[in-house]
Amino acid sequence: MKLNVGGIDRILRIVIGAALVLATLFGALPIWGWIGIVPLLTGLVGYCPLYPLLGICTKK
């Protein structure tokens, strides 16, 4: 597994994912807010399984 998420992309994924999860935990969002786990994990791991299918790599 080659890392393909870098820099700003990684930071944005972590921030947006954490915001969605926290908003769901505090009741500001309904159950669909748990989708924030996906960008949170891909940001923390540094790999997005969709990127190779689309031919994208933001890691320099």
C-alpha atoms as a PDB file:
ATOM      1  CA  MET A   1       0.000   0.000   0.000  1.00  0.00           C
ATOM      2  CA  LYS A   2       1.659   3.166  -1.248  1.00  0.00           C
ATOM      3  CA  LEU A   3       0.697   6.412   0.492  1.00  0.00           C
ATOM      4  CA  ASN A   4      -1.269   8.681  -1.841  1.00  0.00           C
ATOM      5  CA  VAL A   5      -2.743  11.388   0.406  1.00  0.00           C
ATOM      6  CA  GLY A   6      -0.469  14.240   1.348  1.00  0.00           C
ATOM      7  CA  GLY A   7      -0.207  17.711   2.796  1.00  0.00           C
ATOM      8  CA  ILE A   8      -3.270  19.906   2.747  1.00  0.00           C
ATOM      9  CA  ASP A   9      -5.480  17.027   1.558  1.00  0.00           C
ATOM     10  CA  ARG A  10      -4.561  15.012   4.634  1.00  0.00           C
ATOM     11  CA  ILE A  11      -5.161  17.893   7.059  1.00  0.00           C
ATOM     12  CA  LEU A  12      -8.549  18.703   5.501  1.00  0.00           C
ATOM     13  CA  ARG A  13      -9.649  15.075   5.700  1.00  0.00           C
ATOM     14  CA  ILE A  14      -8.738  14.859   9.385  1.00  0.00           C
ATOM     15  CA  VAL A  15     -10.423  18.158  10.288  1.00  0.00           C
ATOM     16  CA  ILE A  16     -13.617  17.502   8.303  1.00  0.00           C
ATOM     17  CA  GLY A  17     -13.856  13.890   9.452  1.00  0.00           C
ATOM     18  CA  ALA A  18     -13.353  14.792  13.105  1.00  0.00           C
ATOM     19  CA  ALA A  19     -15.891  17.623  12.842  1.00  0.00           C
ATOM     20  CA  LEU A  20     -18.541  15.303  11.396  1.00  0.00           C
ATOM     21  CA  VAL A  21     -17.953  12.621  14.024  1.00  0.00           C
ATOM     22  CA  LEU A  22     -17.956  15.112  16.905  1.00  0.00           C
ATOM     23  CA  ALA A  23     -21.082  16.849  15.616  1.00  0.00           C
ATOM     24  CA  THR A  24     -22.806  13.465  15.479  1.00  0.00           C
ATOM     25  CA  LEU A  25     -21.663  12.560  18.978  1.00  0.00           C
ATOM     26  CA  PHE A  26     -23.059  15.823  20.360  1.00  0.00           C
ATOM     27  CA  GLY A  27     -26.368  15.432  18.524  1.00  0.00           C
ATOM     28  CA  ALA A  28     -25.951  18.220  15.994  1.00  0.00           C
ATOM     29  CA  LEU A  29     -26.098  15.773  13.071  1.00  0.00           C
ATOM     30  CA  PRO A  30     -28.201  12.678  12.514  1.00  0.00           C
ATOM     31  CA  ILE A  31     -26.772   9.193  12.042  1.00  0.00           C
ATOM     32  CA  TRP A  32     -25.320   9.977   8.593  1.00  0.00           C
ATOM     33  CA  GLY A  33     -22.641  12.083  10.316  1.00  0.00           C
ATOM     34  CA  TRP A  34     -20.759   8.880  11.111  1.00  0.00           C
ATOM     35  CA  ILE A  35     -19.603   8.956   7.474  1.00  0.00           C
ATOM     36  CA  GLY A  36     -16.920  11.293   8.860  1.00  0.00           C
ATOM     37  CA  ILE A  37     -15.029   8.189   9.953  1.00  0.00           C
ATOM     38  CA  VAL A  38     -14.022   7.587   6.323  1.00  0.00           C
ATOM     39  CA  PRO A  39     -12.152  10.867   5.707  1.00  0.00           C
ATOM     40  CA  LEU A  40     -10.783  10.767   9.260  1.00  0.00           C
ATOM     41  CA  LEU A  41      -9.238   7.326   8.770  1.00  0.00           C
ATOM     42  CA  THR A  42      -7.950   8.007   5.254  1.00  0.00           C
ATOM     43  CA  GLY A  43      -6.347  11.212   6.521  1.00  0.00           C
ATOM     44  CA  LEU A  44      -4.729   9.476   9.487  1.00  0.00           C
ATOM     45  CA  VAL A  45      -3.488   6.513   7.422  1.00  0.00           C
ATOM     46  CA  GLY A  46      -2.451   8.581   4.402  1.00  0.00           C
ATOM     47  CA  TYR A  47      -4.045   6.236   1.876  1.00  0.00           C
ATOM     48  CA  CYS A  48      -7.308   6.613  -0.030  1.00  0.00           C
ATOM     49  CA  PRO A  49      -8.451   3.467  -1.875  1.00  0.00           C
ATOM     50  CA  LEU A  50     -10.446   5.543  -4.371  1.00  0.00           C
ATOM     51  CA  TYR A  51      -7.456   7.591  -5.550  1.00  0.00           C
ATOM     52  CA  PRO A  52      -5.693   4.791  -7.504  1.00  0.00           C
ATOM     53  CA  LEU A  53      -8.939   4.020  -9.347  1.00  0.00           C
ATOM     54  CA  LEU A  54      -9.171   7.675 -10.391  1.00  0.00           C
ATOM     55  CA  GLY A  55      -5.434   8.047 -11.051  1.00  0.00           C
ATOM     56  CA  ILE A  56      -4.978  10.690  -8.356  1.00  0.00           C
ATOM     57  CA  CYS A  57      -2.072  11.146  -5.962  1.00  0.00           C
ATOM     58  CA  THR A  58      -1.686  14.255  -3.800  1.00  0.00           C
ATOM     59  CA  LYS A  59       1.496  13.028  -2.080  1.00  0.00           C
ATOM     60  CA  LYS A  60       4.632  14.607  -3.499  1.00  0.00           C
END
